[in-house]
Every structure is written in C-alpha cells, then in structure tokens.
C-alpha cells in the first residue's frame, strides 16, 4: 500500500477535518477524500465517519490508525537513518520527550550534564502530555520520556521500562506582593477564600484532594489554556494557582511561590522502550535523577527511591491528565 495514502488518513484522524488535513499536506480536499475512499475500498471497511464538527475514525479506522501511525513512524526513522549514513553521521540522535513542566528546566539541565559527561550527541526535546509521550515511546519516536503520575495515573505497559526519579512537591504561586508571600509554609485552610486558576485536570484534582483532606474546598473559578496563561492570571492578580515545585526556577519575575503544609505531591518517572534502547538512555536517566534531586526542596535524609511514590503500582489504565484546555478564562477545568 502507498504510505502517502496512509499518511493522509492518519493526518485526517489527527486534525479531524478533510479540509484541514488537505491544507497541512498541501493537497486538495477532493484529493484527500479520494485517498481515504480508495483506502476504504482496499481494506473493505469504512475508516472514517462524519459528525457535526468534521470527521473521526470508525472503530475499525481507529485500529488501523494505530498500526498505520507505528508504520509511518518506523518508515520515517528508516529514512532518517539512511540520510545519516549518506551524510556520514553515524551517531544515533537521542529523542527525548517531557511534560511541559519538566521540559521547562529539569530535562534541558540534565541533558547539559549528560553532554558534559559523555561528549556531544545530537538530541531533540519534544514537550507533550504524558499519555501522548508514552505512545511516542511505544511507536519508536522517543528514546526517553519524562512523565508524571498526576491523576489519573500512569499506564501499566510491559513494552516500556520505568524508572522512578523522585517526588515533586506542589507549591502555590501568587503575585509578588501577595500578603502571605515570604511568610513560610501555609495551610490550605488559610487560602479557602482565594480564587484559583487551573490549566489542567491533573493539577486541579491534586488541589481539590488536598483541600478536601483539610475539610475545605478550593474555588477554581478561572481556567487557562496552558501554564503561561495560568501564570499570567496569577501575575495580574486575578487568582492564585497550584504548580509543580520543579517550576520554581523557571518562573516569571512578577510571581513568587509559597510552600504548603503537607503539600500534594506527584511522582516523576522516566520511561524507555524495552526494545532497542538508545545507548545514551541509561546515562541520561542517571543524570535526570541527579538533576531532579539537586533542584528538589532540601529535605533531611531525602533519597529518591521507589518507595517514596504515592502509588508504587499505578492504576491499570489512564494517562497523565496534564491536558491544556481550549479556553483562556472561564469556568474551572473540564472533566474528561
């Protein structure tokens, strides 16, 4: 089968629109429609169905999409490998993925340490959601992905190796000049009257759970599209927010953080494929562990071990809920 047609089908599924897929592929909409129709004739089953906002894969189409994506990714890797040989580049690039909060500082810092220890290597960093990164590791797109077990948890998958890097304590970010800034750890009860902003369901779940344990509720009245949007709401005085502690070293100058008493935490993990691991993967994992321990709040006797994690055995389904929302402000984060 023609991989160009497979690529068209996968693109249609990803963007949910024939016209948007045609624009991305630099084809006409009718050409894309003919490609999909031809593929359906070859396979003997409908692959897409129309709905109010575009198209989506049928159950059979979704099965084929997963296999087609894996095939296309492997084909792309083969082409890149041949080009490397042609160009005399024999060192295999290191493809790294990380959630947005970890891509903001921890992972680039760890790569700097790795390069200092092992010498130059071509590398790339792809920020993304934990569930998406997991899929890219399985597909062969990524050699290492750094993810979190924030609600609803990590996927258990025998195709990947998982290393626990440590626990990240969540902190509250407030505008500079907030009355409680710089006064030490604060109890969540003292923030019960504050307006909170959130950009993802995982963080919102941690906040609500933490407040519920204290017998109060957190009023999440504002939602942001992403982390920069959430920080903008905080900086302009509209709200306060819960953020990962690892972000403290990468915050804008007009916000500050304050620790919580008995804060909510999330586990940080690195996942790698069991098959064909990159030769630099293990040194990178060692460097990630060192880097994470260095930026984590100092604690007496802290050692990042698997027993530190809240859930040593994650739930059998679901991924990380670090999903950006479509709106900048408005009602609190949507549930899946």
C-alpha atoms as a PDB file:
ATOM      1  CA  UNK A   1       0.000   0.000   0.000  1.00  0.00           C
ATOM      2  CA  UNK A   2       1.052   3.592  -0.663  1.00  0.00           C
ATOM      3  CA  UNK A   3       2.346   5.188   2.540  1.00  0.00           C
ATOM      4  CA  UNK A   4       1.305   8.587   1.181  1.00  0.00           C
ATOM      5  CA  UNK A   5      -2.307   7.455   1.474  1.00  0.00           C
ATOM      6  CA  UNK A   6      -1.668   6.080   4.960  1.00  0.00           C
ATOM      7  CA  UNK A   7      -0.178   9.455   5.941  1.00  0.00           C
ATOM      8  CA  UNK A   8      -3.236  11.248   4.611  1.00  0.00           C
ATOM      9  CA  UNK A   9      -5.532   9.000   6.642  1.00  0.00           C
ATOM     10  CA  UNK A  10      -3.513   9.462   9.856  1.00  0.00           C
ATOM     11  CA  UNK A  11      -3.489  13.242   9.323  1.00  0.00           C
ATOM     12  CA  UNK A  12      -7.253  13.331   8.824  1.00  0.00           C
ATOM     13  CA  UNK A  13      -7.736  11.408  12.074  1.00  0.00           C
ATOM     14  CA  UNK A  14      -5.387  13.745  13.947  1.00  0.00           C
ATOM     15  CA  UNK A  15      -6.877  17.065  12.781  1.00  0.00           C
ATOM     16  CA  UNK A  16     -10.473  15.808  12.479  1.00  0.00           C
ATOM     17  CA  UNK A  17     -11.130  17.533   9.165  1.00  0.00           C
ATOM     18  CA  UNK A  18     -10.608  16.742   5.488  1.00  0.00           C
ATOM     19  CA  UNK A  19     -10.014  20.388   4.614  1.00  0.00           C
ATOM     20  CA  UNK A  20      -7.518  20.929   7.464  1.00  0.00           C
ATOM     21  CA  UNK A  21      -5.672  17.732   6.505  1.00  0.00           C
ATOM     22  CA  UNK A  22      -5.552  18.837   2.876  1.00  0.00           C
ATOM     23  CA  UNK A  23      -4.079  22.202   3.872  1.00  0.00           C
ATOM     24  CA  UNK A  24      -1.433  20.547   6.061  1.00  0.00           C
ATOM     25  CA  UNK A  25      -0.488  18.033   3.357  1.00  0.00           C
ATOM     26  CA  UNK A  26      -0.620  20.654   0.574  1.00  0.00           C
ATOM     27  CA  UNK A  27      -3.259  18.617  -1.269  1.00  0.00           C
ATOM     28  CA  UNK A  28      -6.757  19.496  -2.407  1.00  0.00           C
ATOM     29  CA  UNK A  29      -9.654  18.384  -0.232  1.00  0.00           C
ATOM     30  CA  UNK A  30     -11.023  16.260  -3.065  1.00  0.00           C
ATOM     31  CA  UNK A  31      -7.650  14.503  -3.421  1.00  0.00           C
ATOM     32  CA  UNK A  32      -7.594  13.641   0.274  1.00  0.00           C
ATOM     33  CA  UNK A  33     -11.206  12.441   0.077  1.00  0.00           C
ATOM     34  CA  UNK A  34     -10.306  10.174  -2.873  1.00  0.00           C
ATOM     35  CA  UNK A  35      -7.307   8.788  -0.991  1.00  0.00           C
ATOM     36  CA  UNK A  36      -9.435   7.872   2.024  1.00  0.00           C
ATOM     37  CA  UNK A  37     -12.143   6.341  -0.187  1.00  0.00           C
ATOM     38  CA  UNK A  38      -9.524   4.276  -2.046  1.00  0.00           C
ATOM     39  CA  UNK A  39      -8.042   3.043   1.213  1.00  0.00           C
ATOM     40  CA  UNK A  40     -11.504   2.027   2.431  1.00  0.00           C
ATOM     41  CA  UNK A  41     -12.051   0.043  -0.794  1.00  0.00           C
ATOM     42  CA  UNK A  42      -8.698  -1.730  -0.341  1.00  0.00           C
ATOM     43  CA  UNK A  43      -9.436  -2.665   3.264  1.00  0.00           C
ATOM     44  CA  UNK A  44     -13.117  -3.397   2.731  1.00  0.00           C
ATOM     45  CA  UNK A  45     -14.328  -1.397   5.756  1.00  0.00           C
ATOM     46  CA  UNK A  46     -15.355   2.212   6.431  1.00  0.00           C
ATOM     47  CA  UNK A  47     -12.480   4.041   8.131  1.00  0.00           C
ATOM     48  CA  UNK A  48     -13.993   7.469   8.888  1.00  0.00           C
ATOM     49  CA  UNK A  49     -17.413   8.840   9.665  1.00  0.00           C
ATOM     50  CA  UNK A  50     -18.718  12.379   9.539  1.00  0.00           C
ATOM     51  CA  UNK A  51     -20.036  14.229  12.580  1.00  0.00           C
ATOM     52  CA  UNK A  52     -21.129  17.782  13.315  1.00  0.00           C
ATOM     53  CA  UNK A  53     -17.588  19.178  13.544  1.00  0.00           C
ATOM     54  CA  UNK A  54     -15.782  17.157  10.900  1.00  0.00           C
ATOM     55  CA  UNK A  55     -14.723  13.518  10.675  1.00  0.00           C
ATOM     56  CA  UNK A  56     -13.467  10.884  13.091  1.00  0.00           C
ATOM     57  CA  UNK A  57     -12.253   7.311  12.695  1.00  0.00           C
ATOM     58  CA  UNK A  58     -14.708   4.449  12.935  1.00  0.00           C
ATOM     59  CA  UNK A  59     -13.836   1.647  15.391  1.00  0.00           C
ATOM     60  CA  UNK A  60     -12.103  -0.175  12.508  1.00  0.00           C
ATOM     61  CA  UNK A  61     -10.452   3.081  11.477  1.00  0.00           C
ATOM     62  CA  UNK A  62      -9.052   3.621  14.954  1.00  0.00           C
ATOM     63  CA  UNK A  63      -7.486   0.150  14.936  1.00  0.00           C
ATOM     64  CA  UNK A  64      -5.940   0.810  11.533  1.00  0.00           C
ATOM     65  CA  UNK A  65      -4.808   4.319  12.590  1.00  0.00           C
ATOM     66  CA  UNK A  66      -2.705   2.941  15.452  1.00  0.00           C
ATOM     67  CA  UNK A  67      -0.937   0.435  13.201  1.00  0.00           C
ATOM     68  CA  UNK A  68      -0.557   2.949  10.372  1.00  0.00           C
ATOM     69  CA  UNK A  69       0.992   5.513  12.720  1.00  0.00           C
ATOM     70  CA  UNK A  70       3.520   2.985  14.009  1.00  0.00           C
ATOM     71  CA  UNK A  71       4.404   2.011  10.428  1.00  0.00           C
ATOM     72  CA  UNK A  72       4.812   5.630   9.316  1.00  0.00           C
ATOM     73  CA  UNK A  73       6.979   6.432  12.334  1.00  0.00           C
ATOM     74  CA  UNK A  74       9.219   3.468  11.599  1.00  0.00           C
ATOM     75  CA  UNK A  75       9.424   4.434   7.926  1.00  0.00           C
ATOM     76  CA  UNK A  76      10.437   7.976   8.899  1.00  0.00           C
ATOM     77  CA  UNK A  77      13.109   6.590  11.214  1.00  0.00           C
ATOM     78  CA  UNK A  78      14.435   4.421   8.385  1.00  0.00           C
ATOM     79  CA  UNK A  79      14.670   7.407   6.048  1.00  0.00           C
ATOM     80  CA  UNK A  80      16.444   9.497   8.680  1.00  0.00           C
ATOM     81  CA  UNK A  81      18.886   6.662   9.376  1.00  0.00           C
ATOM     82  CA  UNK A  82      19.736   6.322   5.677  1.00  0.00           C
ATOM     83  CA  UNK A  83      20.265  10.059   5.377  1.00  0.00           C
ATOM     84  CA  UNK A  84      22.592   9.936   8.364  1.00  0.00           C
ATOM     85  CA  UNK A  85      24.622   7.214   6.671  1.00  0.00           C
ATOM     86  CA  UNK A  86      24.664   9.201   3.422  1.00  0.00           C
ATOM     87  CA  UNK A  87      25.834  12.317   5.252  1.00  0.00           C
ATOM     88  CA  UNK A  88      28.456  10.434   7.237  1.00  0.00           C
ATOM     89  CA  UNK A  89      26.620  10.907  10.547  1.00  0.00           C
ATOM     90  CA  UNK A  90      26.806   7.618  12.414  1.00  0.00           C
ATOM     91  CA  UNK A  91      25.828   8.730  15.913  1.00  0.00           C
ATOM     92  CA  UNK A  92      22.176   7.937  16.595  1.00  0.00           C
ATOM     93  CA  UNK A  93      20.209  11.039  17.664  1.00  0.00           C
ATOM     94  CA  UNK A  94      18.690  10.971  21.155  1.00  0.00           C
ATOM     95  CA  UNK A  95      14.973  11.802  21.053  1.00  0.00           C
ATOM     96  CA  UNK A  96      13.618  12.976  24.416  1.00  0.00           C
ATOM     97  CA  UNK A  97      10.064  13.811  25.436  1.00  0.00           C
ATOM     98  CA  UNK A  98       8.901  15.578  28.595  1.00  0.00           C
ATOM     99  CA  UNK A  99       5.777  17.089  30.068  1.00  0.00           C
ATOM    100  CA  UNK A 100       5.699  20.912  29.826  1.00  0.00           C
ATOM    101  CA  UNK A 101       6.665  21.454  33.465  1.00  0.00           C
ATOM    102  CA  UNK A 102       9.685  19.157  33.161  1.00  0.00           C
ATOM    103  CA  UNK A 103      10.709  20.443  29.724  1.00  0.00           C
ATOM    104  CA  UNK A 104      10.896  23.942  31.238  1.00  0.00           C
ATOM    105  CA  UNK A 105      14.091  23.252  33.160  1.00  0.00           C
ATOM    106  CA  UNK A 106      14.823  19.809  34.592  1.00  0.00           C
ATOM    107  CA  UNK A 107      15.273  17.939  31.323  1.00  0.00           C
ATOM    108  CA  UNK A 108      17.415  20.536  29.489  1.00  0.00           C
ATOM    109  CA  UNK A 109      19.615  20.832  32.578  1.00  0.00           C
ATOM    110  CA  UNK A 110      20.018  17.057  32.731  1.00  0.00           C
ATOM    111  CA  UNK A 111      20.969  16.950  29.043  1.00  0.00           C
ATOM    112  CA  UNK A 112      23.622  19.588  29.683  1.00  0.00           C
ATOM    113  CA  UNK A 113      25.062  17.370  32.402  1.00  0.00           C
ATOM    114  CA  UNK A 114      24.914  14.346  30.099  1.00  0.00           C
ATOM    115  CA  UNK A 115      26.789  16.115  27.306  1.00  0.00           C
ATOM    116  CA  UNK A 116      29.431  17.222  29.783  1.00  0.00           C
ATOM    117  CA  UNK A 117      29.970  13.614  30.870  1.00  0.00           C
ATOM    118  CA  UNK A 118      29.674  11.696  27.608  1.00  0.00           C
ATOM    119  CA  UNK A 119      30.538  14.208  24.893  1.00  0.00           C
ATOM    120  CA  UNK A 120      28.455  15.625  22.031  1.00  0.00           C
ATOM    121  CA  UNK A 121      25.349  13.887  20.763  1.00  0.00           C
ATOM    122  CA  UNK A 122      22.565  15.111  18.526  1.00  0.00           C
ATOM    123  CA  UNK A 123      19.376  15.370  20.559  1.00  0.00           C
ATOM    124  CA  UNK A 124      15.859  16.773  20.422  1.00  0.00           C
ATOM    125  CA  UNK A 125      13.254  17.650  23.044  1.00  0.00           C
ATOM    126  CA  UNK A 126       9.533  17.215  22.443  1.00  0.00           C
ATOM    127  CA  UNK A 127       7.191  18.639  25.101  1.00  0.00           C
ATOM    128  CA  UNK A 128       3.865  16.860  25.355  1.00  0.00           C
ATOM    129  CA  UNK A 129       1.279  15.226  27.542  1.00  0.00           C
ATOM    130  CA  UNK A 130       2.330  12.131  29.452  1.00  0.00           C
ATOM    131  CA  UNK A 131      -0.129   9.842  27.688  1.00  0.00           C
ATOM    132  CA  UNK A 132       0.989  11.152  24.299  1.00  0.00           C
ATOM    133  CA  UNK A 133       4.649  10.749  25.208  1.00  0.00           C
ATOM    134  CA  UNK A 134       4.004   7.167  26.286  1.00  0.00           C
ATOM    135  CA  UNK A 135       2.519   6.451  22.875  1.00  0.00           C
ATOM    136  CA  UNK A 136       5.504   8.019  21.126  1.00  0.00           C
ATOM    137  CA  UNK A 137       7.892   5.818  23.111  1.00  0.00           C
ATOM    138  CA  UNK A 138       5.919   2.744  22.010  1.00  0.00           C
ATOM    139  CA  UNK A 139       5.864   3.958  18.405  1.00  0.00           C
ATOM    140  CA  UNK A 140       9.630   4.433  18.399  1.00  0.00           C
ATOM    141  CA  UNK A 141       9.550   8.226  18.106  1.00  0.00           C
ATOM    142  CA  UNK A 142      11.138   8.797  21.510  1.00  0.00           C
ATOM    143  CA  UNK A 143      14.070   7.144  23.252  1.00  0.00           C
ATOM    144  CA  UNK A 144      13.234   8.607  26.678  1.00  0.00           C
ATOM    145  CA  UNK A 145      10.091  10.290  28.028  1.00  0.00           C
ATOM    146  CA  UNK A 146       9.915  12.049  31.385  1.00  0.00           C
ATOM    147  CA  UNK A 147       6.351  11.903  32.706  1.00  0.00           C
ATOM    148  CA  UNK A 148       4.354  12.215  35.922  1.00  0.00           C
ATOM    149  CA  UNK A 149       1.790  10.103  37.771  1.00  0.00           C
ATOM    150  CA  UNK A 150      -0.579  13.019  38.450  1.00  0.00           C
ATOM    151  CA  UNK A 151      -4.249  11.935  38.309  1.00  0.00           C
ATOM    152  CA  UNK A 152      -5.491   9.726  36.817  1.00  0.00           C
ATOM    153  CA  UNK A 153      -2.107   7.959  36.867  1.00  0.00           C
ATOM    154  CA  UNK A 154       0.359   6.199  34.620  1.00  0.00           C
ATOM    155  CA  UNK A 155      -0.386   3.432  32.162  1.00  0.00           C
ATOM    156  CA  UNK A 156       0.996  -0.004  33.046  1.00  0.00           C
ATOM    157  CA  UNK A 157       2.663  -1.266  29.868  1.00  0.00           C
ATOM    158  CA  UNK A 158       5.087  -4.213  29.589  1.00  0.00           C
ATOM    159  CA  UNK A 159       6.625  -2.653  26.471  1.00  0.00           C
ATOM    160  CA  UNK A 160       8.385   0.070  28.458  1.00  0.00           C
ATOM    161  CA  UNK A 161      10.877   0.251  31.292  1.00  0.00           C
ATOM    162  CA  UNK A 162      10.054   2.770  34.005  1.00  0.00           C
ATOM    163  CA  UNK A 163      12.423   4.441  36.433  1.00  0.00           C
ATOM    164  CA  UNK A 164      11.233   6.471  39.408  1.00  0.00           C
ATOM    165  CA  UNK A 165      13.154   9.755  39.619  1.00  0.00           C
ATOM    166  CA  UNK A 166      11.594  11.236  42.759  1.00  0.00           C
ATOM    167  CA  UNK A 167       8.637  13.109  44.202  1.00  0.00           C
ATOM    168  CA  UNK A 168       7.784  16.657  43.222  1.00  0.00           C
ATOM    169  CA  UNK A 169       6.038  18.770  45.860  1.00  0.00           C
ATOM    170  CA  UNK A 170       3.366  21.110  44.514  1.00  0.00           C
ATOM    171  CA  UNK A 171       3.573  24.753  45.580  1.00  0.00           C
ATOM    172  CA  UNK A 172       1.257  27.746  45.425  1.00  0.00           C
ATOM    173  CA  UNK A 173       2.174  30.546  43.037  1.00  0.00           C
ATOM    174  CA  UNK A 174       0.973  34.057  43.936  1.00  0.00           C
ATOM    175  CA  UNK A 175       1.618  37.545  42.593  1.00  0.00           C
ATOM    176  CA  UNK A 176       4.597  39.406  44.015  1.00  0.00           C
ATOM    177  CA  UNK A 177       3.297  41.451  46.930  1.00  0.00           C
ATOM    178  CA  UNK A 178       0.658  38.937  47.989  1.00  0.00           C
ATOM    179  CA  UNK A 179       0.049  39.364  51.748  1.00  0.00           C
ATOM    180  CA  UNK A 180       1.169  35.801  52.523  1.00  0.00           C
ATOM    181  CA  UNK A 181       4.224  35.737  50.265  1.00  0.00           C
ATOM    182  CA  UNK A 182       7.504  35.088  52.061  1.00  0.00           C
ATOM    183  CA  UNK A 183       5.873  34.026  55.330  1.00  0.00           C
ATOM    184  CA  UNK A 184       6.751  30.336  55.231  1.00  0.00           C
ATOM    185  CA  UNK A 185       4.564  27.273  54.662  1.00  0.00           C
ATOM    186  CA  UNK A 186       0.848  27.999  54.603  1.00  0.00           C
ATOM    187  CA  UNK A 187      -2.087  25.727  55.345  1.00  0.00           C
ATOM    188  CA  UNK A 188      -4.615  25.281  52.580  1.00  0.00           C
ATOM    189  CA  UNK A 189      -7.337  26.373  55.010  1.00  0.00           C
ATOM    190  CA  UNK A 190      -5.833  29.871  55.027  1.00  0.00           C
ATOM    191  CA  UNK A 191      -6.386  30.087  51.256  1.00  0.00           C
ATOM    192  CA  UNK A 192     -10.001  28.946  51.266  1.00  0.00           C
ATOM    193  CA  UNK A 193     -11.283  32.397  50.262  1.00  0.00           C
ATOM    194  CA  UNK A 194      -8.873  32.780  47.354  1.00  0.00           C
ATOM    195  CA  UNK A 195      -9.780  32.437  43.685  1.00  0.00           C
ATOM    196  CA  UNK A 196      -7.748  29.690  41.999  1.00  0.00           C
ATOM    197  CA  UNK A 197      -6.792  29.287  38.343  1.00  0.00           C
ATOM    198  CA  UNK A 198      -6.038  25.954  36.692  1.00  0.00           C
ATOM    199  CA  UNK A 199      -4.780  24.815  33.310  1.00  0.00           C
ATOM    200  CA  UNK A 200      -5.165  21.047  33.593  1.00  0.00           C
ATOM    201  CA  UNK A 201      -7.337  18.437  35.237  1.00  0.00           C
ATOM    202  CA  UNK A 202      -4.447  16.624  36.936  1.00  0.00           C
ATOM    203  CA  UNK A 203      -3.342  19.688  38.894  1.00  0.00           C
ATOM    204  CA  UNK A 204      -6.964  20.566  39.667  1.00  0.00           C
ATOM    205  CA  UNK A 205      -7.523  17.070  41.071  1.00  0.00           C
ATOM    206  CA  UNK A 206      -4.456  17.373  43.325  1.00  0.00           C
ATOM    207  CA  UNK A 207      -5.684  20.750  44.581  1.00  0.00           C
ATOM    208  CA  UNK A 208      -9.210  19.534  45.285  1.00  0.00           C
ATOM    209  CA  UNK A 209      -7.965  16.400  47.039  1.00  0.00           C
ATOM    210  CA  UNK A 210      -5.577  18.411  49.203  1.00  0.00           C
ATOM    211  CA  UNK A 211      -8.306  20.893  50.170  1.00  0.00           C
ATOM    212  CA  UNK A 212     -10.805  18.110  50.878  1.00  0.00           C
ATOM    213  CA  UNK A 213      -8.396  16.435  53.307  1.00  0.00           C
ATOM    214  CA  UNK A 214      -8.335  19.703  55.247  1.00  0.00           C
ATOM    215  CA  UNK A 215     -12.115  19.973  55.227  1.00  0.00           C
ATOM    216  CA  UNK A 216     -12.269  22.968  52.870  1.00  0.00           C
ATOM    217  CA  UNK A 217     -12.827  23.474  49.164  1.00  0.00           C
ATOM    218  CA  UNK A 218     -10.743  25.278  46.569  1.00  0.00           C
ATOM    219  CA  UNK A 219     -12.704  27.723  44.409  1.00  0.00           C
ATOM    220  CA  UNK A 220     -11.341  27.108  40.918  1.00  0.00           C
ATOM    221  CA  UNK A 221     -13.100  29.917  39.062  1.00  0.00           C
ATOM    222  CA  UNK A 222     -10.648  30.528  36.229  1.00  0.00           C
ATOM    223  CA  UNK A 223      -9.243  28.179  33.603  1.00  0.00           C
ATOM    224  CA  UNK A 224      -6.230  28.829  31.402  1.00  0.00           C
ATOM    225  CA  UNK A 225      -5.158  27.299  28.112  1.00  0.00           C
ATOM    226  CA  UNK A 226      -1.680  26.435  29.369  1.00  0.00           C
ATOM    227  CA  UNK A 227       0.884  27.142  32.061  1.00  0.00           C
ATOM    228  CA  UNK A 228       1.902  30.595  30.725  1.00  0.00           C
ATOM    229  CA  UNK A 229      -1.766  31.561  30.689  1.00  0.00           C
ATOM    230  CA  UNK A 230      -2.211  30.397  34.283  1.00  0.00           C
ATOM    231  CA  UNK A 231       0.835  32.358  35.412  1.00  0.00           C
ATOM    232  CA  UNK A 232      -0.483  35.444  33.611  1.00  0.00           C
ATOM    233  CA  UNK A 233      -3.736  35.218  35.582  1.00  0.00           C
ATOM    234  CA  UNK A 234      -1.689  34.993  38.785  1.00  0.00           C
ATOM    235  CA  UNK A 235       0.702  37.819  37.874  1.00  0.00           C
ATOM    236  CA  UNK A 236      -2.176  40.199  37.156  1.00  0.00           C
ATOM    237  CA  UNK A 237      -3.826  39.453  40.483  1.00  0.00           C
ATOM    238  CA  UNK A 238      -6.847  37.525  39.225  1.00  0.00           C
ATOM    239  CA  UNK A 239      -6.060  34.282  41.049  1.00  0.00           C
ATOM    240  CA  UNK A 240      -3.512  32.081  42.747  1.00  0.00           C
ATOM    241  CA  UNK A 241      -2.567  28.640  41.447  1.00  0.00           C
ATOM    242  CA  UNK A 242      -1.038  25.272  42.261  1.00  0.00           C
ATOM    243  CA  UNK A 243       2.072  24.449  40.220  1.00  0.00           C
ATOM    244  CA  UNK A 244       4.820  21.789  40.279  1.00  0.00           C
ATOM    245  CA  UNK A 245       7.711  22.632  42.564  1.00  0.00           C
ATOM    246  CA  UNK A 246      10.201  21.970  39.757  1.00  0.00           C
ATOM    247  CA  UNK A 247       8.944  25.113  38.032  1.00  0.00           C
ATOM    248  CA  UNK A 248      10.152  27.469  40.723  1.00  0.00           C
ATOM    249  CA  UNK A 249      13.468  28.022  38.954  1.00  0.00           C
ATOM    250  CA  UNK A 250      11.745  28.945  35.680  1.00  0.00           C
ATOM    251  CA  UNK A 251       9.037  31.374  36.824  1.00  0.00           C
ATOM    252  CA  UNK A 252       8.486  34.901  35.554  1.00  0.00           C
ATOM    253  CA  UNK A 253       9.707  37.719  37.785  1.00  0.00           C
ATOM    254  CA  UNK A 254       6.275  39.082  38.776  1.00  0.00           C
ATOM    255  CA  UNK A 255       5.138  35.935  40.612  1.00  0.00           C
ATOM    256  CA  UNK A 256       6.502  34.061  43.586  1.00  0.00           C
ATOM    257  CA  UNK A 257       5.784  30.788  45.325  1.00  0.00           C
ATOM    258  CA  UNK A 258       4.934  29.712  48.831  1.00  0.00           C
ATOM    259  CA  UNK A 259       5.073  26.151  50.150  1.00  0.00           C
ATOM    260  CA  UNK A 260       2.066  24.325  51.531  1.00  0.00           C
ATOM    261  CA  UNK A 261       1.950  22.444  54.816  1.00  0.00           C
ATOM    262  CA  UNK A 262       1.871  18.721  53.946  1.00  0.00           C
ATOM    263  CA  UNK A 263       1.751  19.522  50.208  1.00  0.00           C
ATOM    264  CA  UNK A 264       0.289  17.317  47.493  1.00  0.00           C
ATOM    265  CA  UNK A 265       2.965  15.501  45.503  1.00  0.00           C
ATOM    266  CA  UNK A 266       3.372  13.785  42.176  1.00  0.00           C
ATOM    267  CA  UNK A 267       5.861  11.135  41.156  1.00  0.00           C
ATOM    268  CA  UNK A 268       8.294  11.835  38.332  1.00  0.00           C
ATOM    269  CA  UNK A 269       9.233   8.890  36.102  1.00  0.00           C
ATOM    270  CA  UNK A 270      11.366   8.252  33.042  1.00  0.00           C
ATOM    271  CA  UNK A 271      10.149   5.652  30.574  1.00  0.00           C
ATOM    272  CA  UNK A 272      12.187   3.955  27.856  1.00  0.00           C
ATOM    273  CA  UNK A 273      11.349   1.224  25.325  1.00  0.00           C
ATOM    274  CA  UNK A 274      12.330  -2.312  26.279  1.00  0.00           C
ATOM    275  CA  UNK A 275      13.213  -2.962  22.640  1.00  0.00           C
ATOM    276  CA  UNK A 276      16.225  -1.271  21.049  1.00  0.00           C
ATOM    277  CA  UNK A 277      17.058   1.209  23.842  1.00  0.00           C
ATOM    278  CA  UNK A 278      19.300   4.141  22.947  1.00  0.00           C
ATOM    279  CA  UNK A 279      22.905   3.650  24.185  1.00  0.00           C
ATOM    280  CA  UNK A 280      22.768   7.041  25.926  1.00  0.00           C
ATOM    281  CA  UNK A 281      19.430   6.333  27.657  1.00  0.00           C
ATOM    282  CA  UNK A 282      20.836   4.917  30.899  1.00  0.00           C
ATOM    283  CA  UNK A 283      23.407   7.729  31.348  1.00  0.00           C
ATOM    284  CA  UNK A 284      20.592  10.232  30.759  1.00  0.00           C
ATOM    285  CA  UNK A 285      18.396   8.551  33.372  1.00  0.00           C
ATOM    286  CA  UNK A 286      21.254   8.734  35.871  1.00  0.00           C
ATOM    287  CA  UNK A 287      21.701  12.422  35.083  1.00  0.00           C
ATOM    288  CA  UNK A 288      17.958  13.079  35.391  1.00  0.00           C
ATOM    289  CA  UNK A 289      17.964  11.505  38.860  1.00  0.00           C
ATOM    290  CA  UNK A 290      20.908  13.697  39.901  1.00  0.00           C
ATOM    291  CA  UNK A 291      19.403  16.859  38.427  1.00  0.00           C
ATOM    292  CA  UNK A 292      15.986  16.273  39.971  1.00  0.00           C
ATOM    293  CA  UNK A 293      17.494  15.682  43.409  1.00  0.00           C
ATOM    294  CA  UNK A 294      19.527  18.895  43.087  1.00  0.00           C
ATOM    295  CA  UNK A 295      16.526  21.155  42.391  1.00  0.00           C
ATOM    296  CA  UNK A 296      14.105  19.450  44.759  1.00  0.00           C
ATOM    297  CA  UNK A 297      13.489  21.259  48.058  1.00  0.00           C
ATOM    298  CA  UNK A 298      16.125  20.142  50.568  1.00  0.00           C
ATOM    299  CA  UNK A 299      14.842  17.560  52.993  1.00  0.00           C
ATOM    300  CA  UNK A 300      16.792  15.809  55.701  1.00  0.00           C
ATOM    301  CA  UNK A 301      17.670  12.312  54.620  1.00  0.00           C
ATOM    302  CA  UNK A 302      15.814  12.546  51.295  1.00  0.00           C
ATOM    303  CA  UNK A 303      16.722   9.828  48.827  1.00  0.00           C
ATOM    304  CA  UNK A 304      14.627   9.366  45.664  1.00  0.00           C
ATOM    305  CA  UNK A 305      13.523   5.737  45.920  1.00  0.00           C
ATOM    306  CA  UNK A 306      10.530   3.921  44.519  1.00  0.00           C
ATOM    307  CA  UNK A 307       9.047   3.616  47.998  1.00  0.00           C
ATOM    308  CA  UNK A 308       8.676   7.414  48.085  1.00  0.00           C
ATOM    309  CA  UNK A 309       5.960   7.308  45.446  1.00  0.00           C
ATOM    310  CA  UNK A 310       2.331   7.610  46.476  1.00  0.00           C
ATOM    311  CA  UNK A 311       1.407   4.690  44.263  1.00  0.00           C
ATOM    312  CA  UNK A 312       4.214   2.266  43.626  1.00  0.00           C
ATOM    313  CA  UNK A 313       1.841   0.322  41.369  1.00  0.00           C
ATOM    314  CA  UNK A 314      -0.099   2.829  39.247  1.00  0.00           C
ATOM    315  CA  UNK A 315      -3.706   2.133  38.227  1.00  0.00           C
ATOM    316  CA  UNK A 316      -4.018  -0.202  35.232  1.00  0.00           C
ATOM    317  CA  UNK A 317      -5.446   2.388  32.868  1.00  0.00           C
ATOM    318  CA  UNK A 318      -5.415   6.064  32.078  1.00  0.00           C
ATOM    319  CA  UNK A 319      -2.638   8.553  31.466  1.00  0.00           C
ATOM    320  CA  UNK A 320      -1.436  11.790  32.895  1.00  0.00           C
ATOM    321  CA  UNK A 321      -4.053  14.488  32.993  1.00  0.00           C
ATOM    322  CA  UNK A 322      -1.844  17.379  32.012  1.00  0.00           C
ATOM    323  CA  UNK A 323      -4.147  18.331  29.155  1.00  0.00           C
ATOM    324  CA  UNK A 324      -4.351  22.004  28.148  1.00  0.00           C
ATOM    325  CA  UNK A 325      -7.834  23.484  27.817  1.00  0.00           C
ATOM    326  CA  UNK A 326      -9.213  25.311  24.827  1.00  0.00           C
ATOM    327  CA  UNK A 327     -10.190  28.479  26.676  1.00  0.00           C
ATOM    328  CA  UNK A 328      -8.109  31.145  28.373  1.00  0.00           C
ATOM    329  CA  UNK A 329     -10.533  32.085  31.097  1.00  0.00           C
ATOM    330  CA  UNK A 330     -13.955  30.948  32.184  1.00  0.00           C
ATOM    331  CA  UNK A 331     -15.322  28.062  34.245  1.00  0.00           C
ATOM    332  CA  UNK A 332     -12.936  25.766  36.050  1.00  0.00           C
ATOM    333  CA  UNK A 333     -11.191  22.860  34.308  1.00  0.00           C
ATOM    334  CA  UNK A 334     -13.420  20.452  32.476  1.00  0.00           C
ATOM    335  CA  UNK A 335     -13.665  16.835  33.444  1.00  0.00           C
ATOM    336  CA  UNK A 336     -12.713  14.260  30.804  1.00  0.00           C
END
